[in-house]
Amino acid sequence: MSAQKNSASPPPDRVLNCAGQIVSLIRSGQIVLHRRIGESSLAETLQVSRTIVRSALEHLEMAGLVVRVPRSGTFLREISVSEFCDVMDIRAALEALSARLAATRAQEHELKGLAALAKHVDTLNRRFANGDEKAVLELAQRDLEFHLAIAKMSGNGRLASTLKQQRLIEFTFAMAQHTVIYRELKDRPVPPHGDIVKAIRKRDPIQAEEVMRRHILRTKEARLGYFTGEIV
């Protein structure tokens, strides 16, 4: 019986791929809070079986991104302010470690690519700060690429996968506040991405760690500013 059950289980790679596609739908705003996630419609949209969709949703439930409500269905889980703060504190610690390791392990060709990406992200940030709302979606994507690139340079395979989950929880909270991208608090500016690259290129792990930690914690303050009304 157990052998038959195992053979009927969907392939793990297809489940993870489906989970990734569902995450993309969350990021694009096609899956939103308080609206049931229909397995049938999702299976049709992604062109996979309901079994794979169900397994993918179970995977995301374990990751803390969705919740199953008895006799009601599956929903995107609402993130509390307290949980958001916890997640950002964890992210600050992990990304600080990521930058510290990258300062001693990154290859020069990787740093050249990172510098170019940082320049592009900071340009998009300035465009958004000046009122260009069209920069929002690309800014969100490029910012994620930047931070995951540093995690990859750290040489620690677990960092990138863990950070992806932390970022999605942050993104879910931001969507609930209608602030996928934040504006900075004027008296507490977020260190630009270029400063992070400079510290890593200097091969100074302590400075890289500190600049990255400050970058993440100032981001946290800015997001909370929308929630508390400090930023409007």
C-alpha atoms as a PDB file:
ATOM      1  CA  MET A   1       0.000   0.000   0.000  1.00  0.00           C
ATOM      2  CA  SER A   2       2.775   2.454   0.934  1.00  0.00           C
ATOM      3  CA  ALA A   3       4.525   1.805  -2.381  1.00  0.00           C
ATOM      4  CA  GLN A   4       1.314   2.585  -4.279  1.00  0.00           C
ATOM      5  CA  LYS A   5       0.832   5.752  -2.252  1.00  0.00           C
ATOM      6  CA  ASN A   6       4.357   6.964  -2.980  1.00  0.00           C
ATOM      7  CA  SER A   7       4.002   6.273  -6.692  1.00  0.00           C
ATOM      8  CA  ALA A   8       0.817   8.361  -6.742  1.00  0.00           C
ATOM      9  CA  SER A   9       2.541  11.354  -5.150  1.00  0.00           C
ATOM     10  CA  PRO A  10       3.306  14.192  -7.578  1.00  0.00           C
ATOM     11  CA  PRO A  11       7.001  14.713  -8.480  1.00  0.00           C
ATOM     12  CA  PRO A  12       8.649  17.098  -5.962  1.00  0.00           C
ATOM     13  CA  ASP A  13      10.192  19.235  -8.700  1.00  0.00           C
ATOM     14  CA  ARG A  14       6.781  19.831 -10.293  1.00  0.00           C
ATOM     15  CA  VAL A  15       5.292  20.716  -6.903  1.00  0.00           C
ATOM     16  CA  LEU A  16       8.080  23.224  -6.181  1.00  0.00           C
ATOM     17  CA  ASN A  17       7.753  24.692  -9.658  1.00  0.00           C
ATOM     18  CA  CYS A  18       4.017  25.100  -9.133  1.00  0.00           C
ATOM     19  CA  ALA A  19       4.623  26.703  -5.723  1.00  0.00           C
ATOM     20  CA  GLY A  20       6.978  29.161  -7.439  1.00  0.00           C
ATOM     21  CA  GLN A  21       4.325  30.013 -10.016  1.00  0.00           C
ATOM     22  CA  ILE A  22       1.786  30.631  -7.239  1.00  0.00           C
ATOM     23  CA  VAL A  23       4.308  32.928  -5.551  1.00  0.00           C
ATOM     24  CA  SER A  24       4.585  34.852  -8.839  1.00  0.00           C
ATOM     25  CA  LEU A  25       0.802  35.280  -8.872  1.00  0.00           C
ATOM     26  CA  ILE A  26       0.979  36.648  -5.326  1.00  0.00           C
ATOM     27  CA  ARG A  27       3.731  39.067  -6.313  1.00  0.00           C
ATOM     28  CA  SER A  28       1.768  40.297  -9.331  1.00  0.00           C
ATOM     29  CA  GLY A  29      -1.340  40.895  -7.207  1.00  0.00           C
ATOM     30  CA  GLN A  30      -3.429  38.188  -8.886  1.00  0.00           C
ATOM     31  CA  ILE A  31      -3.780  36.392  -5.544  1.00  0.00           C
ATOM     32  CA  VAL A  32      -4.888  38.792  -2.838  1.00  0.00           C
ATOM     33  CA  LEU A  33      -5.927  38.827   0.783  1.00  0.00           C
ATOM     34  CA  HIS A  34      -9.440  37.741   1.806  1.00  0.00           C
ATOM     35  CA  ARG A  35     -10.162  36.042  -1.525  1.00  0.00           C
ATOM     36  CA  ARG A  36     -10.293  32.231  -1.613  1.00  0.00           C
ATOM     37  CA  ILE A  37      -7.597  30.552  -3.693  1.00  0.00           C
ATOM     38  CA  GLY A  38      -9.536  28.163  -5.912  1.00  0.00           C
ATOM     39  CA  GLU A  39      -7.631  24.952  -6.656  1.00  0.00           C
ATOM     40  CA  SER A  40      -9.546  24.260  -9.879  1.00  0.00           C
ATOM     41  CA  SER A  41      -9.087  27.725 -11.371  1.00  0.00           C
ATOM     42  CA  LEU A  42      -5.451  27.757 -10.276  1.00  0.00           C
ATOM     43  CA  ALA A  43      -4.841  24.366 -11.909  1.00  0.00           C
ATOM     44  CA  GLU A  44      -6.398  25.669 -15.130  1.00  0.00           C
ATOM     45  CA  THR A  45      -4.360  28.877 -15.038  1.00  0.00           C
ATOM     46  CA  LEU A  46      -1.073  27.056 -14.425  1.00  0.00           C
ATOM     47  CA  GLN A  47      -1.927  24.105 -16.692  1.00  0.00           C
ATOM     48  CA  VAL A  48      -1.241  21.496 -14.008  1.00  0.00           C
ATOM     49  CA  SER A  49      -3.332  18.950 -12.126  1.00  0.00           C
ATOM     50  CA  ARG A  50      -5.290  19.773  -8.992  1.00  0.00           C
ATOM     51  CA  THR A  51      -3.122  17.238  -7.142  1.00  0.00           C
ATOM     52  CA  ILE A  52      -0.021  19.276  -7.910  1.00  0.00           C
ATOM     53  CA  VAL A  53      -1.773  22.534  -6.964  1.00  0.00           C
ATOM     54  CA  ARG A  54      -2.937  21.005  -3.677  1.00  0.00           C
ATOM     55  CA  SER A  55       0.583  19.803  -2.858  1.00  0.00           C
ATOM     56  CA  ALA A  56       2.033  23.202  -3.794  1.00  0.00           C
ATOM     57  CA  LEU A  57      -0.429  24.973  -1.497  1.00  0.00           C
ATOM     58  CA  GLU A  58       0.514  22.575   1.306  1.00  0.00           C
ATOM     59  CA  HIS A  59       4.139  23.537   0.705  1.00  0.00           C
ATOM     60  CA  LEU A  60       3.270  27.238   0.916  1.00  0.00           C
ATOM     61  CA  GLU A  61       1.189  26.642   4.031  1.00  0.00           C
ATOM     62  CA  MET A  62       4.223  25.110   5.754  1.00  0.00           C
ATOM     63  CA  ALA A  63       6.207  28.168   4.659  1.00  0.00           C
ATOM     64  CA  GLY A  64       3.636  30.376   6.397  1.00  0.00           C
ATOM     65  CA  LEU A  65       2.315  32.113   3.288  1.00  0.00           C
ATOM     66  CA  VAL A  66      -1.193  30.664   3.017  1.00  0.00           C
ATOM     67  CA  VAL A  67      -3.670  29.274   5.504  1.00  0.00           C
ATOM     68  CA  ARG A  68      -6.361  26.615   5.109  1.00  0.00           C
ATOM     69  CA  VAL A  69      -9.694  27.425   6.740  1.00  0.00           C
ATOM     70  CA  PRO A  70     -11.949  24.380   7.391  1.00  0.00           C
ATOM     71  CA  ARG A  71     -14.987  24.293   5.083  1.00  0.00           C
ATOM     72  CA  SER A  72     -13.929  27.613   3.530  1.00  0.00           C
ATOM     73  CA  GLY A  73     -10.772  26.997   1.515  1.00  0.00           C
ATOM     74  CA  THR A  74      -7.239  28.311   1.251  1.00  0.00           C
ATOM     75  CA  PHE A  75      -6.352  31.988   1.629  1.00  0.00           C
ATOM     76  CA  LEU A  76      -3.289  34.185   1.502  1.00  0.00           C
ATOM     77  CA  ARG A  77      -2.315  34.604   5.138  1.00  0.00           C
ATOM     78  CA  GLU A  78      -2.520  38.093   6.593  1.00  0.00           C
ATOM     79  CA  ILE A  79       0.745  39.159   8.209  1.00  0.00           C
ATOM     80  CA  SER A  80       0.527  41.061  11.501  1.00  0.00           C
ATOM     81  CA  VAL A  81       2.703  44.069  12.302  1.00  0.00           C
ATOM     82  CA  SER A  82       4.398  42.063  15.049  1.00  0.00           C
ATOM     83  CA  GLU A  83       5.247  39.213  12.669  1.00  0.00           C
ATOM     84  CA  PHE A  84       6.463  41.666  10.037  1.00  0.00           C
ATOM     85  CA  CYS A  85       8.843  43.191  12.586  1.00  0.00           C
ATOM     86  CA  ASP A  86      10.112  39.740  13.554  1.00  0.00           C
ATOM     87  CA  VAL A  87      10.666  38.834   9.908  1.00  0.00           C
ATOM     88  CA  MET A  88      12.544  42.049   9.188  1.00  0.00           C
ATOM     89  CA  ASP A  89      14.783  41.584  12.225  1.00  0.00           C
ATOM     90  CA  ILE A  90      15.600  38.063  11.017  1.00  0.00           C
ATOM     91  CA  ARG A  91      16.163  39.376   7.498  1.00  0.00           C
ATOM     92  CA  ALA A  92      18.542  42.058   8.825  1.00  0.00           C
ATOM     93  CA  ALA A  93      20.616  39.418  10.610  1.00  0.00           C
ATOM     94  CA  LEU A  94      20.666  37.056   7.617  1.00  0.00           C
ATOM     95  CA  GLU A  95      21.457  39.716   5.028  1.00  0.00           C
ATOM     96  CA  ALA A  96      24.168  41.196   7.254  1.00  0.00           C
ATOM     97  CA  LEU A  97      25.740  37.735   7.382  1.00  0.00           C
ATOM     98  CA  SER A  98      25.293  37.427   3.621  1.00  0.00           C
ATOM     99  CA  ALA A  99      27.144  40.706   3.000  1.00  0.00           C
ATOM    100  CA  ARG A 100      29.875  39.796   5.477  1.00  0.00           C
ATOM    101  CA  LEU A 101      30.558  36.500   3.724  1.00  0.00           C
ATOM    102  CA  ALA A 102      30.334  38.041   0.257  1.00  0.00           C
ATOM    103  CA  ALA A 103      33.032  40.551   1.204  1.00  0.00           C
ATOM    104  CA  THR A 104      35.543  37.723   1.475  1.00  0.00           C
ATOM    105  CA  ARG A 105      34.167  35.241  -1.057  1.00  0.00           C
ATOM    106  CA  ALA A 106      32.709  37.166  -4.011  1.00  0.00           C
ATOM    107  CA  GLN A 107      34.531  36.990  -7.346  1.00  0.00           C
ATOM    108  CA  GLU A 108      35.498  40.227  -9.093  1.00  0.00           C
ATOM    109  CA  HIS A 109      33.290  39.529 -12.125  1.00  0.00           C
ATOM    110  CA  GLU A 110      30.330  38.997  -9.776  1.00  0.00           C
ATOM    111  CA  LEU A 111      30.995  42.337  -8.086  1.00  0.00           C
ATOM    112  CA  LYS A 112      31.053  44.144 -11.423  1.00  0.00           C
ATOM    113  CA  GLY A 113      27.613  42.777 -12.214  1.00  0.00           C
ATOM    114  CA  LEU A 114      26.398  43.637  -8.710  1.00  0.00           C
ATOM    115  CA  ALA A 115      27.649  47.225  -9.049  1.00  0.00           C
ATOM    116  CA  ALA A 116      25.726  47.652 -12.309  1.00  0.00           C
ATOM    117  CA  LEU A 117      22.578  46.217 -10.740  1.00  0.00           C
ATOM    118  CA  ALA A 118      22.944  48.470  -7.674  1.00  0.00           C
ATOM    119  CA  LYS A 119      23.242  51.534  -9.914  1.00  0.00           C
ATOM    120  CA  HIS A 120      20.075  50.519 -11.763  1.00  0.00           C
ATOM    121  CA  VAL A 121      18.142  49.894  -8.521  1.00  0.00           C
ATOM    122  CA  ASP A 122      19.197  53.226  -7.035  1.00  0.00           C
ATOM    123  CA  THR A 123      18.173  54.986 -10.268  1.00  0.00           C
ATOM    124  CA  LEU A 124      14.740  53.341 -10.079  1.00  0.00           C
ATOM    125  CA  ASN A 125      14.524  54.392  -6.425  1.00  0.00           C
ATOM    126  CA  ARG A 126      15.137  58.018  -7.390  1.00  0.00           C
ATOM    127  CA  ARG A 127      12.563  57.815 -10.165  1.00  0.00           C
ATOM    128  CA  PHE A 128       9.979  56.488  -7.735  1.00  0.00           C
ATOM    129  CA  ALA A 129      10.885  59.106  -5.105  1.00  0.00           C
ATOM    130  CA  ASN A 130      10.261  61.751  -7.776  1.00  0.00           C
ATOM    131  CA  GLY A 131       6.776  60.426  -8.439  1.00  0.00           C
ATOM    132  CA  ASP A 132       7.325  57.916 -11.248  1.00  0.00           C
ATOM    133  CA  GLU A 133       4.865  55.173 -10.280  1.00  0.00           C
ATOM    134  CA  LYS A 134       5.770  53.189 -13.408  1.00  0.00           C
ATOM    135  CA  ALA A 135       9.095  52.294 -11.786  1.00  0.00           C
ATOM    136  CA  VAL A 136       7.437  50.338  -8.974  1.00  0.00           C
ATOM    137  CA  LEU A 137       7.205  46.839 -10.439  1.00  0.00           C
ATOM    138  CA  GLU A 138      10.691  46.823 -11.941  1.00  0.00           C
ATOM    139  CA  LEU A 139      12.112  48.285  -8.727  1.00  0.00           C
ATOM    140  CA  ALA A 140      10.583  45.479  -6.656  1.00  0.00           C
ATOM    141  CA  GLN A 141      12.007  42.828  -8.984  1.00  0.00           C
ATOM    142  CA  ARG A 142      15.488  44.334  -9.347  1.00  0.00           C
ATOM    143  CA  ASP A 143      15.780  44.939  -5.611  1.00  0.00           C
ATOM    144  CA  LEU A 144      15.038  41.268  -4.969  1.00  0.00           C
ATOM    145  CA  GLU A 145      17.627  40.262  -7.585  1.00  0.00           C
ATOM    146  CA  PHE A 146      20.225  42.457  -5.908  1.00  0.00           C
ATOM    147  CA  HIS A 147      19.819  40.962  -2.450  1.00  0.00           C
ATOM    148  CA  LEU A 148      19.637  37.386  -3.700  1.00  0.00           C
ATOM    149  CA  ALA A 149      22.788  37.948  -5.768  1.00  0.00           C
ATOM    150  CA  ILE A 150      24.684  38.858  -2.597  1.00  0.00           C
ATOM    151  CA  ALA A 151      23.303  35.776  -0.866  1.00  0.00           C
ATOM    152  CA  LYS A 152      24.586  33.664  -3.748  1.00  0.00           C
ATOM    153  CA  MET A 153      28.024  35.319  -3.504  1.00  0.00           C
ATOM    154  CA  SER A 154      28.164  34.420   0.182  1.00  0.00           C
ATOM    155  CA  GLY A 155      28.702  30.796  -0.783  1.00  0.00           C
ATOM    156  CA  ASN A 156      26.053  29.661   1.705  1.00  0.00           C
ATOM    157  CA  GLY A 157      23.392  27.728  -0.208  1.00  0.00           C
ATOM    158  CA  ARG A 158      20.793  28.040   2.543  1.00  0.00           C
ATOM    159  CA  LEU A 159      20.848  31.826   2.694  1.00  0.00           C
ATOM    160  CA  ALA A 160      19.196  32.473  -0.688  1.00  0.00           C
ATOM    161  CA  SER A 161      16.304  30.023  -0.143  1.00  0.00           C
ATOM    162  CA  THR A 162      15.669  31.329   3.381  1.00  0.00           C
ATOM    163  CA  LEU A 163      15.749  34.956   2.257  1.00  0.00           C
ATOM    164  CA  LYS A 164      13.248  34.269  -0.535  1.00  0.00           C
ATOM    165  CA  GLN A 165      10.731  33.139   2.071  1.00  0.00           C
ATOM    166  CA  GLN A 166      11.428  36.138   4.324  1.00  0.00           C
ATOM    167  CA  ARG A 167      11.036  38.527   1.394  1.00  0.00           C
ATOM    168  CA  LEU A 168       7.705  37.042   0.377  1.00  0.00           C
ATOM    169  CA  ILE A 169       6.310  37.489   3.901  1.00  0.00           C
ATOM    170  CA  GLU A 170       7.507  41.106   3.799  1.00  0.00           C
ATOM    171  CA  PHE A 171       5.905  41.525   0.360  1.00  0.00           C
ATOM    172  CA  THR A 172       2.598  40.079   1.614  1.00  0.00           C
ATOM    173  CA  PHE A 173       2.559  42.586   4.483  1.00  0.00           C
ATOM    174  CA  ALA A 174       3.383  45.412   2.069  1.00  0.00           C
ATOM    175  CA  MET A 175       0.527  44.448  -0.257  1.00  0.00           C
ATOM    176  CA  ALA A 176      -1.889  44.617   2.664  1.00  0.00           C
ATOM    177  CA  GLN A 177      -0.701  48.160   3.354  1.00  0.00           C
ATOM    178  CA  HIS A 178      -0.741  49.001  -0.400  1.00  0.00           C
ATOM    179  CA  THR A 179       2.975  49.852  -0.197  1.00  0.00           C
ATOM    180  CA  VAL A 180       4.847  47.285  -2.286  1.00  0.00           C
ATOM    181  CA  ILE A 181       7.592  49.904  -2.556  1.00  0.00           C
ATOM    182  CA  TYR A 182       8.204  52.314   0.292  1.00  0.00           C
ATOM    183  CA  ARG A 183       9.310  55.936   0.506  1.00  0.00           C
ATOM    184  CA  GLU A 184      12.025  56.693   3.024  1.00  0.00           C
ATOM    185  CA  LEU A 185      11.668  58.550   6.290  1.00  0.00           C
ATOM    186  CA  LYS A 186      13.469  61.849   5.665  1.00  0.00           C
ATOM    187  CA  ASP A 187      15.401  61.767   8.936  1.00  0.00           C
ATOM    188  CA  ARG A 188      16.325  58.072   8.563  1.00  0.00           C
ATOM    189  CA  PRO A 189      17.401  57.487   4.942  1.00  0.00           C
ATOM    190  CA  VAL A 190      17.968  53.956   3.684  1.00  0.00           C
ATOM    191  CA  PRO A 191      21.642  53.490   2.665  1.00  0.00           C
ATOM    192  CA  PRO A 192      21.733  53.187  -1.150  1.00  0.00           C
ATOM    193  CA  HIS A 193      22.552  49.854  -2.739  1.00  0.00           C
ATOM    194  CA  GLY A 194      25.742  51.353  -4.114  1.00  0.00           C
ATOM    195  CA  ASP A 195      27.070  51.780  -0.555  1.00  0.00           C
ATOM    196  CA  ILE A 196      26.582  48.067   0.077  1.00  0.00           C
ATOM    197  CA  VAL A 197      28.561  47.209  -3.043  1.00  0.00           C
ATOM    198  CA  LYS A 198      31.358  49.613  -2.090  1.00  0.00           C
ATOM    199  CA  ALA A 199      31.744  47.946   1.309  1.00  0.00           C
ATOM    200  CA  ILE A 200      31.828  44.471  -0.238  1.00  0.00           C
ATOM    201  CA  ARG A 201      34.328  45.543  -2.920  1.00  0.00           C
ATOM    202  CA  LYS A 202      36.611  46.943  -0.211  1.00  0.00           C
ATOM    203  CA  ARG A 203      36.709  43.396   1.172  1.00  0.00           C
ATOM    204  CA  ASP A 204      35.695  44.825   4.531  1.00  0.00           C
ATOM    205  CA  PRO A 205      33.338  42.241   6.084  1.00  0.00           C
ATOM    206  CA  ILE A 206      32.577  44.340   9.170  1.00  0.00           C
ATOM    207  CA  GLN A 207      31.606  47.429   7.171  1.00  0.00           C
ATOM    208  CA  ALA A 208      29.631  45.357   4.659  1.00  0.00           C
ATOM    209  CA  GLU A 209      27.732  43.717   7.508  1.00  0.00           C
ATOM    210  CA  GLU A 210      26.941  47.059   9.161  1.00  0.00           C
ATOM    211  CA  VAL A 211      25.827  48.853   5.983  1.00  0.00           C
ATOM    212  CA  MET A 212      23.553  45.968   5.033  1.00  0.00           C
ATOM    213  CA  ARG A 213      22.043  45.726   8.511  1.00  0.00           C
ATOM    214  CA  ARG A 214      21.293  49.456   8.517  1.00  0.00           C
ATOM    215  CA  HIS A 215      19.816  49.188   4.995  1.00  0.00           C
ATOM    216  CA  ILE A 216      17.336  46.502   6.080  1.00  0.00           C
ATOM    217  CA  LEU A 217      16.376  48.078   9.416  1.00  0.00           C
ATOM    218  CA  ARG A 218      15.781  51.468   7.810  1.00  0.00           C
ATOM    219  CA  THR A 219      13.600  49.704   5.229  1.00  0.00           C
ATOM    220  CA  LYS A 220      11.640  48.200   8.115  1.00  0.00           C
ATOM    221  CA  GLU A 221      11.150  51.645   9.666  1.00  0.00           C
ATOM    222  CA  ALA A 222       9.979  53.071   6.350  1.00  0.00           C
ATOM    223  CA  ARG A 223       7.395  50.317   5.826  1.00  0.00           C
ATOM    224  CA  LEU A 224       6.124  50.772   9.366  1.00  0.00           C
ATOM    225  CA  GLY A 225       5.896  54.491   8.686  1.00  0.00           C
ATOM    226  CA  TYR A 226       3.090  53.835   6.200  1.00  0.00           C
ATOM    227  CA  PHE A 227       1.280  51.631   8.682  1.00  0.00           C
ATOM    228  CA  THR A 228       1.530  54.109  11.572  1.00  0.00           C
ATOM    229  CA  GLY A 229       0.765  57.137   9.421  1.00  0.00           C
ATOM    230  CA  GLU A 230       4.226  58.664   9.801  1.00  0.00           C
ATOM    231  CA  ILE A 231       4.486  58.463   5.999  1.00  0.00           C
ATOM    232  CA  VAL A 232       1.455  59.271   3.855  1.00  0.00           C
END
